[in-house]
Amino acid sequence: MAEQRHVRLFRNGRNQAVRIQVECELPGDEAIMHRYGDRLVIEPVRKRGLAALLASMTPIDETFPEIDDPPPAPERIF
């Protein structure tokens, strides 16, 4: 389990805020925050790769027309 730290909460305009110490910094410039009961969890946004994107897509239920696509003519060498 990670080391615990006592932190102070403060106001930043109308928002409540907490400073994140350098040893607890998250990578990147975005994070996801959610609650579990009285716990507040902040985790980095993971960059998704192409494979993850393709796996999340649903197949298209459509038939495509046949395309007559003959092979290219052989190159002529002079």
PDB file of N, CA and C in Angstrom:
ATOM      1  N   MET A   1       0.847  -1.190   0.000  1.00  0.00           N
ATOM      2  CA  MET A   1       0.000   0.000   0.000  1.00  0.00           C
ATOM      3  C   MET A   1       0.883   1.241   0.000  1.00  0.00           C
ATOM      4  N   ALA A   2       0.437   2.273  -0.673  1.00  0.00           N
ATOM      5  CA  ALA A   2       1.207   3.510  -0.786  1.00  0.00           C
ATOM      6  C   ALA A   2       1.290   4.226   0.557  1.00  0.00           C
ATOM      7  N   GLU A   3       2.321   5.030   0.696  1.00  0.00           N
ATOM      8  CA  GLU A   3       2.502   5.826   1.905  1.00  0.00           C
ATOM      9  C   GLU A   3       1.361   6.824   2.034  1.00  0.00           C
ATOM     10  N   GLN A   4       0.859   7.017   3.248  1.00  0.00           N
ATOM     11  CA  GLN A   4      -0.225   7.964   3.482  1.00  0.00           C
ATOM     12  C   GLN A   4       0.352   9.317   3.874  1.00  0.00           C
ATOM     13  N   ARG A   5      -0.342  10.365   3.483  1.00  0.00           N
ATOM     14  CA  ARG A   5       0.076  11.726   3.835  1.00  0.00           C
ATOM     15  C   ARG A   5      -1.146  12.483   4.335  1.00  0.00           C
ATOM     16  N   HIS A   6      -0.929  13.318   5.327  1.00  0.00           N
ATOM     17  CA  HIS A   6      -1.982  14.206   5.811  1.00  0.00           C
ATOM     18  C   HIS A   6      -1.908  15.476   4.969  1.00  0.00           C
ATOM     19  N   VAL A   7      -3.009  15.864   4.341  1.00  0.00           N
ATOM     20  CA  VAL A   7      -3.021  17.062   3.495  1.00  0.00           C
ATOM     21  C   VAL A   7      -4.125  17.989   3.962  1.00  0.00           C
ATOM     22  N   ARG A   8      -3.997  19.240   3.585  1.00  0.00           N
ATOM     23  CA  ARG A   8      -5.024  20.238   3.907  1.00  0.00           C
ATOM     24  C   ARG A   8      -5.819  20.550   2.635  1.00  0.00           C
ATOM     25  N   LEU A   9      -7.103  20.684   2.820  1.00  0.00           N
ATOM     26  CA  LEU A   9      -7.980  21.091   1.731  1.00  0.00           C
ATOM     27  C   LEU A   9      -8.104  22.608   1.766  1.00  0.00           C
ATOM     28  N   PHE A  10      -8.274  23.220   0.593  1.00  0.00           N
ATOM     29  CA  PHE A  10      -8.429  24.670   0.525  1.00  0.00           C
ATOM     30  C   PHE A  10      -9.405  25.013  -0.579  1.00  0.00           C
ATOM     31  N   ARG A  11      -9.808  26.244  -0.627  1.00  0.00           N
ATOM     32  CA  ARG A  11     -10.741  26.723  -1.647  1.00  0.00           C
ATOM     33  C   ARG A  11      -9.977  27.398  -2.767  1.00  0.00           C
ATOM     34  N   ASN A  12     -10.379  27.099  -3.982  1.00  0.00           N
ATOM     35  CA  ASN A  12      -9.861  27.763  -5.177  1.00  0.00           C
ATOM     36  C   ASN A  12     -11.092  28.279  -5.909  1.00  0.00           C
ATOM     37  N   GLY A  13     -11.486  29.508  -5.627  1.00  0.00           N
ATOM     38  CA  GLY A  13     -12.759  30.013  -6.144  1.00  0.00           C
ATOM     39  C   GLY A  13     -13.888  29.285  -5.463  1.00  0.00           C
ATOM     40  N   ARG A  14     -14.773  28.675  -6.244  1.00  0.00           N
ATOM     41  CA  ARG A  14     -15.890  27.910  -5.668  1.00  0.00           C
ATOM     42  C   ARG A  14     -15.563  26.429  -5.539  1.00  0.00           C
ATOM     43  N   ASN A  15     -14.361  26.029  -5.914  1.00  0.00           N
ATOM     44  CA  ASN A  15     -13.965  24.620  -5.875  1.00  0.00           C
ATOM     45  C   ASN A  15     -13.128  24.301  -4.645  1.00  0.00           C
ATOM     46  N   GLN A  16     -13.278  23.086  -4.155  1.00  0.00           N
ATOM     47  CA  GLN A  16     -12.400  22.597  -3.107  1.00  0.00           C
ATOM     48  C   GLN A  16     -11.201  21.964  -3.786  1.00  0.00           C
ATOM     49  N   ALA A  17      -9.999  22.156  -3.242  1.00  0.00           N
ATOM     50  CA  ALA A  17      -8.788  21.673  -3.894  1.00  0.00           C
ATOM     51  C   ALA A  17      -7.827  21.079  -2.879  1.00  0.00           C
ATOM     52  N   VAL A  18      -6.877  20.316  -3.379  1.00  0.00           N
ATOM     53  CA  VAL A  18      -5.802  19.751  -2.578  1.00  0.00           C
ATOM     54  C   VAL A  18      -4.543  19.801  -3.435  1.00  0.00           C
ATOM     55  N   ARG A  19      -3.403  20.109  -2.832  1.00  0.00           N
ATOM     56  CA  ARG A  19      -2.139  20.102  -3.575  1.00  0.00           C
ATOM     57  C   ARG A  19      -1.617  18.672  -3.626  1.00  0.00           C
ATOM     58  N   ILE A  20      -1.116  18.295  -4.783  1.00  0.00           N
ATOM     59  CA  ILE A  20      -0.539  16.958  -4.944  1.00  0.00           C
ATOM     60  C   ILE A  20       0.977  17.105  -4.886  1.00  0.00           C
ATOM     61  N   GLN A  21       1.588  16.468  -3.898  1.00  0.00           N
ATOM     62  CA  GLN A  21       3.036  16.552  -3.738  1.00  0.00           C
ATOM     63  C   GLN A  21       3.732  15.877  -4.907  1.00  0.00           C
ATOM     64  N   VAL A  22       4.979  16.275  -5.144  1.00  0.00           N
ATOM     65  CA  VAL A  22       5.730  15.799  -6.300  1.00  0.00           C
ATOM     66  C   VAL A  22       5.837  14.268  -6.323  1.00  0.00           C
ATOM     67  N   GLU A  23       5.957  13.625  -5.167  1.00  0.00           N
ATOM     68  CA  GLU A  23       6.089  12.162  -5.159  1.00  0.00           C
ATOM     69  C   GLU A  23       4.776  11.456  -5.491  1.00  0.00           C
ATOM     70  N   CYS A  24       3.672  12.190  -5.534  1.00  0.00           N
ATOM     71  CA  CYS A  24       2.365  11.609  -5.871  1.00  0.00           C
ATOM     72  C   CYS A  24       1.841  12.092  -7.228  1.00  0.00           C
ATOM     73  N   GLU A  25       2.652  12.835  -7.971  1.00  0.00           N
ATOM     74  CA  GLU A  25       2.185  13.368  -9.250  1.00  0.00           C
ATOM     75  C   GLU A  25       1.778  12.254 -10.208  1.00  0.00           C
ATOM     76  N   LEU A  26       0.788  12.557 -11.027  1.00  0.00           N
ATOM     77  CA  LEU A  26       0.319  11.633 -12.056  1.00  0.00           C
ATOM     78  C   LEU A  26       0.919  12.039 -13.401  1.00  0.00           C
ATOM     79  N   PRO A  27       1.113  11.078 -14.299  1.00  0.00           N
ATOM     80  CA  PRO A  27       1.634  11.432 -15.624  1.00  0.00           C
ATOM     81  C   PRO A  27       0.563  12.145 -16.450  1.00  0.00           C
ATOM     82  N   GLY A  28       1.006  12.945 -17.400  1.00  0.00           N
ATOM     83  CA  GLY A  28       0.088  13.614 -18.316  1.00  0.00           C
ATOM     84  C   GLY A  28      -0.537  14.856 -17.715  1.00  0.00           C
ATOM     85  N   ASP A  29      -1.579  15.363 -18.389  1.00  0.00           N
ATOM     86  CA  ASP A  29      -2.240  16.574 -17.915  1.00  0.00           C
ATOM     87  C   ASP A  29      -3.746  16.383 -17.733  1.00  0.00           C
ATOM     88  N   GLU A  30      -4.198  15.132 -17.702  1.00  0.00           N
ATOM     89  CA  GLU A  30      -5.604  14.821 -17.455  1.00  0.00           C
ATOM     90  C   GLU A  30      -5.696  13.668 -16.476  1.00  0.00           C
ATOM     91  N   ALA A  31      -6.792  13.637 -15.714  1.00  0.00           N
ATOM     92  CA  ALA A  31      -7.030  12.548 -14.768  1.00  0.00           C
ATOM     93  C   ALA A  31      -8.527  12.280 -14.698  1.00  0.00           C
ATOM     94  N   ILE A  32      -8.882  11.128 -14.160  1.00  0.00           N
ATOM     95  CA  ILE A  32     -10.271  10.760 -13.930  1.00  0.00           C
ATOM     96  C   ILE A  32     -10.465  10.691 -12.427  1.00  0.00           C
ATOM     97  N   MET A  33     -11.539  11.309 -11.936  1.00  0.00           N
ATOM     98  CA  MET A  33     -11.811  11.325 -10.510  1.00  0.00           C
ATOM     99  C   MET A  33     -13.173  10.695 -10.270  1.00  0.00           C
ATOM    100  N   HIS A  34     -13.263   9.810  -9.278  1.00  0.00           N
ATOM    101  CA  HIS A  34     -14.540   9.217  -8.920  1.00  0.00           C
ATOM    102  C   HIS A  34     -14.553   8.904  -7.432  1.00  0.00           C
ATOM    103  N   ARG A  35     -15.749   8.678  -6.907  1.00  0.00           N
ATOM    104  CA  ARG A  35     -15.918   8.393  -5.485  1.00  0.00           C
ATOM    105  C   ARG A  35     -16.269   6.932  -5.271  1.00  0.00           C
ATOM    106  N   TYR A  36     -15.726   6.365  -4.208  1.00  0.00           N
ATOM    107  CA  TYR A  36     -16.121   5.063  -3.682  1.00  0.00           C
ATOM    108  C   TYR A  36     -16.510   5.289  -2.240  1.00  0.00           C
ATOM    109  N   GLY A  37     -17.797   5.476  -1.989  1.00  0.00           N
ATOM    110  CA  GLY A  37     -18.249   5.797  -0.633  1.00  0.00           C
ATOM    111  C   GLY A  37     -17.674   7.129  -0.211  1.00  0.00           C
ATOM    112  N   ASP A  38     -16.903   7.127   0.901  1.00  0.00           N
ATOM    113  CA  ASP A  38     -16.294   8.376   1.350  1.00  0.00           C
ATOM    114  C   ASP A  38     -14.873   8.551   0.838  1.00  0.00           C
ATOM    115  N   ARG A  39     -14.434   7.697  -0.093  1.00  0.00           N
ATOM    116  CA  ARG A  39     -13.095   7.802  -0.681  1.00  0.00           C
ATOM    117  C   ARG A  39     -13.164   8.532  -2.013  1.00  0.00           C
ATOM    118  N   LEU A  40     -12.156   9.334  -2.277  1.00  0.00           N
ATOM    119  CA  LEU A  40     -12.034  10.035  -3.542  1.00  0.00           C
ATOM    120  C   LEU A  40     -10.823   9.444  -4.261  1.00  0.00           C
ATOM    121  N   VAL A  41     -11.035   8.927  -5.473  1.00  0.00           N
ATOM    122  CA  VAL A  41      -9.968   8.277  -6.232  1.00  0.00           C
ATOM    123  C   VAL A  41      -9.654   9.115  -7.468  1.00  0.00           C
ATOM    124  N   ILE A  42      -8.370   9.417  -7.650  1.00  0.00           N
ATOM    125  CA  ILE A  42      -7.916  10.159  -8.827  1.00  0.00           C
ATOM    126  C   ILE A  42      -6.898   9.287  -9.539  1.00  0.00           C
ATOM    127  N   GLU A  43      -7.138   8.999 -10.815  1.00  0.00           N
ATOM    128  CA  GLU A  43      -6.216   8.151 -11.572  1.00  0.00           C
ATOM    129  C   GLU A  43      -5.921   8.763 -12.924  1.00  0.00           C
ATOM    130  N   PRO A  44      -4.728   8.479 -13.472  1.00  0.00           N
ATOM    131  CA  PRO A  44      -4.366   9.083 -14.762  1.00  0.00           C
ATOM    132  C   PRO A  44      -5.226   8.541 -15.887  1.00  0.00           C
ATOM    133  N   VAL A  45      -5.411   9.370 -16.906  1.00  0.00           N
ATOM    134  CA  VAL A  45      -6.107   8.936 -18.116  1.00  0.00           C
ATOM    135  C   VAL A  45      -5.108   8.126 -18.927  1.00  0.00           C
ATOM    136  N   ARG A  46      -5.457   6.918 -19.233  1.00  0.00           N
ATOM    137  CA  ARG A  46      -4.578   6.057 -20.018  1.00  0.00           C
ATOM    138  C   ARG A  46      -4.812   6.318 -21.495  1.00  0.00           C
ATOM    139  N   LYS A  47      -3.755   6.496 -22.233  1.00  0.00           N
ATOM    140  CA  LYS A  47      -3.864   6.684 -23.677  1.00  0.00           C
ATOM    141  C   LYS A  47      -4.225   5.348 -24.297  1.00  0.00           C
ATOM    142  N   ARG A  48      -5.244   5.347 -25.132  1.00  0.00           N
ATOM    143  CA  ARG A  48      -5.692   4.108 -25.771  1.00  0.00           C
ATOM    144  C   ARG A  48      -4.994   3.940 -27.104  1.00  0.00           C
ATOM    145  N   GLY A  49      -4.586   2.736 -27.392  1.00  0.00           N
ATOM    146  CA  GLY A  49      -3.952   2.438 -28.660  1.00  0.00           C
ATOM    147  C   GLY A  49      -4.974   2.047 -29.717  1.00  0.00           C
ATOM    148  N   LEU A  50      -4.500   1.842 -30.927  1.00  0.00           N
ATOM    149  CA  LEU A  50      -5.374   1.477 -32.034  1.00  0.00           C
ATOM    150  C   LEU A  50      -6.053   0.133 -31.778  1.00  0.00           C
ATOM    151  N   ALA A  51      -5.327  -0.831 -31.220  1.00  0.00           N
ATOM    152  CA  ALA A  51      -5.914  -2.153 -30.963  1.00  0.00           C
ATOM    153  C   ALA A  51      -7.088  -2.052 -29.990  1.00  0.00           C
ATOM    154  N   ALA A  52      -6.962  -1.224 -28.950  1.00  0.00           N
ATOM    155  CA  ALA A  52      -8.058  -1.052 -27.995  1.00  0.00           C
ATOM    156  C   ALA A  52      -9.251  -0.373 -28.653  1.00  0.00           C
ATOM    157  N   LEU A  53      -8.984   0.598 -29.497  1.00  0.00           N
ATOM    158  CA  LEU A  53     -10.068   1.273 -30.208  1.00  0.00           C
ATOM    159  C   LEU A  53     -10.808   0.302 -31.117  1.00  0.00           C
ATOM    160  N   LEU A  54     -10.078  -0.482 -31.895  1.00  0.00           N
ATOM    161  CA  LEU A  54     -10.713  -1.441 -32.808  1.00  0.00           C
ATOM    162  C   LEU A  54     -11.498  -2.500 -32.041  1.00  0.00           C
ATOM    163  N   ALA A  55     -10.983  -2.943 -30.900  1.00  0.00           N
ATOM    164  CA  ALA A  55     -11.688  -3.951 -30.102  1.00  0.00           C
ATOM    165  C   ALA A  55     -12.994  -3.405 -29.532  1.00  0.00           C
ATOM    166  N   SER A  56     -13.080  -2.098 -29.311  1.00  0.00           N
ATOM    167  CA  SER A  56     -14.288  -1.512 -28.743  1.00  0.00           C
ATOM    168  C   SER A  56     -15.368  -1.242 -29.785  1.00  0.00           C
ATOM    169  N   MET A  57     -15.029  -1.337 -31.058  1.00  0.00           N
ATOM    170  CA  MET A  57     -15.989  -1.032 -32.119  1.00  0.00           C
ATOM    171  C   MET A  57     -16.892  -2.231 -32.398  1.00  0.00           C
ATOM    172  N   THR A  58     -18.138  -1.939 -32.760  1.00  0.00           N
ATOM    173  CA  THR A  58     -19.068  -3.011 -33.118  1.00  0.00           C
ATOM    174  C   THR A  58     -19.008  -3.237 -34.621  1.00  0.00           C
ATOM    175  N   PRO A  59     -19.150  -4.477 -35.063  1.00  0.00           N
ATOM    176  CA  PRO A  59     -19.092  -4.766 -36.501  1.00  0.00           C
ATOM    177  C   PRO A  59     -20.250  -4.093 -37.249  1.00  0.00           C
ATOM    178  N   ILE A  60     -20.000  -3.755 -38.493  1.00  0.00           N
ATOM    179  CA  ILE A  60     -21.022  -3.150 -39.343  1.00  0.00           C
ATOM    180  C   ILE A  60     -21.856  -4.269 -39.951  1.00  0.00           C
ATOM    181  N   ASP A  61     -23.158  -4.173 -39.789  1.00  0.00           N
ATOM    182  CA  ASP A  61     -24.069  -5.180 -40.340  1.00  0.00           C
ATOM    183  C   ASP A  61     -24.584  -4.677 -41.688  1.00  0.00           C
ATOM    184  N   GLU A  62     -23.693  -4.721 -42.670  1.00  0.00           N
ATOM    185  CA  GLU A  62     -24.037  -4.196 -43.987  1.00  0.00           C
ATOM    186  C   GLU A  62     -23.281  -5.005 -45.036  1.00  0.00           C
ATOM    187  N   THR A  63     -23.949  -5.274 -46.150  1.00  0.00           N
ATOM    188  CA  THR A  63     -23.263  -5.958 -47.235  1.00  0.00           C
ATOM    189  C   THR A  63     -22.722  -4.921 -48.200  1.00  0.00           C
ATOM    190  N   PHE A  64     -21.525  -5.140 -48.643  1.00  0.00           N
ATOM    191  CA  PHE A  64     -20.884  -4.201 -49.556  1.00  0.00           C
ATOM    192  C   PHE A  64     -20.949  -4.765 -50.969  1.00  0.00           C
ATOM    193  N   PRO A  65     -21.066  -3.894 -51.988  1.00  0.00           N
ATOM    194  CA  PRO A  65     -21.148  -4.386 -53.370  1.00  0.00           C
ATOM    195  C   PRO A  65     -19.825  -4.992 -53.811  1.00  0.00           C
ATOM    196  N   GLU A  66     -19.928  -5.935 -54.732  1.00  0.00           N
ATOM    197  CA  GLU A  66     -18.730  -6.534 -55.314  1.00  0.00           C
ATOM    198  C   GLU A  66     -18.048  -5.500 -56.194  1.00  0.00           C
ATOM    199  N   ILE A  67     -16.753  -5.458 -56.147  1.00  0.00           N
ATOM    200  CA  ILE A  67     -15.985  -4.501 -56.948  1.00  0.00           C
ATOM    201  C   ILE A  67     -15.052  -5.275 -57.855  1.00  0.00           C
ATOM    202  N   ASP A  68     -15.147  -5.004 -59.142  1.00  0.00           N
ATOM    203  CA  ASP A  68     -14.254  -5.641 -60.091  1.00  0.00           C
ATOM    204  C   ASP A  68     -12.929  -4.893 -60.032  1.00  0.00           C
ATOM    205  N   ASP A  69     -11.943  -5.508 -59.448  1.00  0.00           N
ATOM    206  CA  ASP A  69     -10.652  -4.852 -59.246  1.00  0.00           C
ATOM    207  C   ASP A  69      -9.557  -5.745 -59.847  1.00  0.00           C
ATOM    208  N   PRO A  70      -9.351  -5.626 -61.175  1.00  0.00           N
ATOM    209  CA  PRO A  70      -8.339  -6.482 -61.804  1.00  0.00           C
ATOM    210  C   PRO A  70      -6.940  -6.079 -61.337  1.00  0.00           C
ATOM    211  N   PRO A  71      -6.014  -7.027 -61.378  1.00  0.00           N
ATOM    212  CA  PRO A  71      -4.639  -6.687 -60.973  1.00  0.00           C
ATOM    213  C   PRO A  71      -4.038  -5.689 -61.957  1.00  0.00           C
ATOM    214  N   PRO A  72      -3.088  -4.886 -61.526  1.00  0.00           N
ATOM    215  CA  PRO A  72      -2.476  -3.906 -62.433  1.00  0.00           C
ATOM    216  C   PRO A  72      -1.689  -4.601 -63.542  1.00  0.00           C
ATOM    217  N   ALA A  73      -1.584  -3.928 -64.666  1.00  0.00           N
ATOM    218  CA  ALA A  73      -0.822  -4.472 -65.788  1.00  0.00           C
ATOM    219  C   ALA A  73       0.659  -4.526 -65.411  1.00  0.00           C
ATOM    220  N   PRO A  74       1.388  -5.535 -65.875  1.00  0.00           N
ATOM    221  CA  PRO A  74       2.822  -5.606 -65.546  1.00  0.00           C
ATOM    222  C   PRO A  74       3.560  -4.407 -66.118  1.00  0.00           C
ATOM    223  N   GLU A  75       4.576  -4.001 -65.403  1.00  0.00           N
ATOM    224  CA  GLU A  75       5.381  -2.863 -65.864  1.00  0.00           C
ATOM    225  C   GLU A  75       6.202  -3.258 -67.079  1.00  0.00           C
ATOM    226  N   ARG A  76       6.310  -2.348 -68.008  1.00  0.00           N
ATOM    227  CA  ARG A  76       7.123  -2.592 -69.188  1.00  0.00           C
ATOM    228  C   ARG A  76       8.479  -1.952 -68.977  1.00  0.00           C
ATOM    229  N   ILE A  77       9.519  -2.696 -69.198  1.00  0.00           N
ATOM    230  CA  ILE A  77      10.868  -2.195 -69.055  1.00  0.00           C
ATOM    231  C   ILE A  77      11.430  -1.972 -70.460  1.00  0.00           C
ATOM    232  N   PHE A  78      11.920  -0.802 -70.747  1.00  0.00           N
ATOM    233  CA  PHE A  78      12.475  -0.474 -72.071  1.00  0.00           C
ATOM    234  C   PHE A  78      13.967  -0.580 -72.074  1.00  0.00           C
TER     235      PHE A  78
END
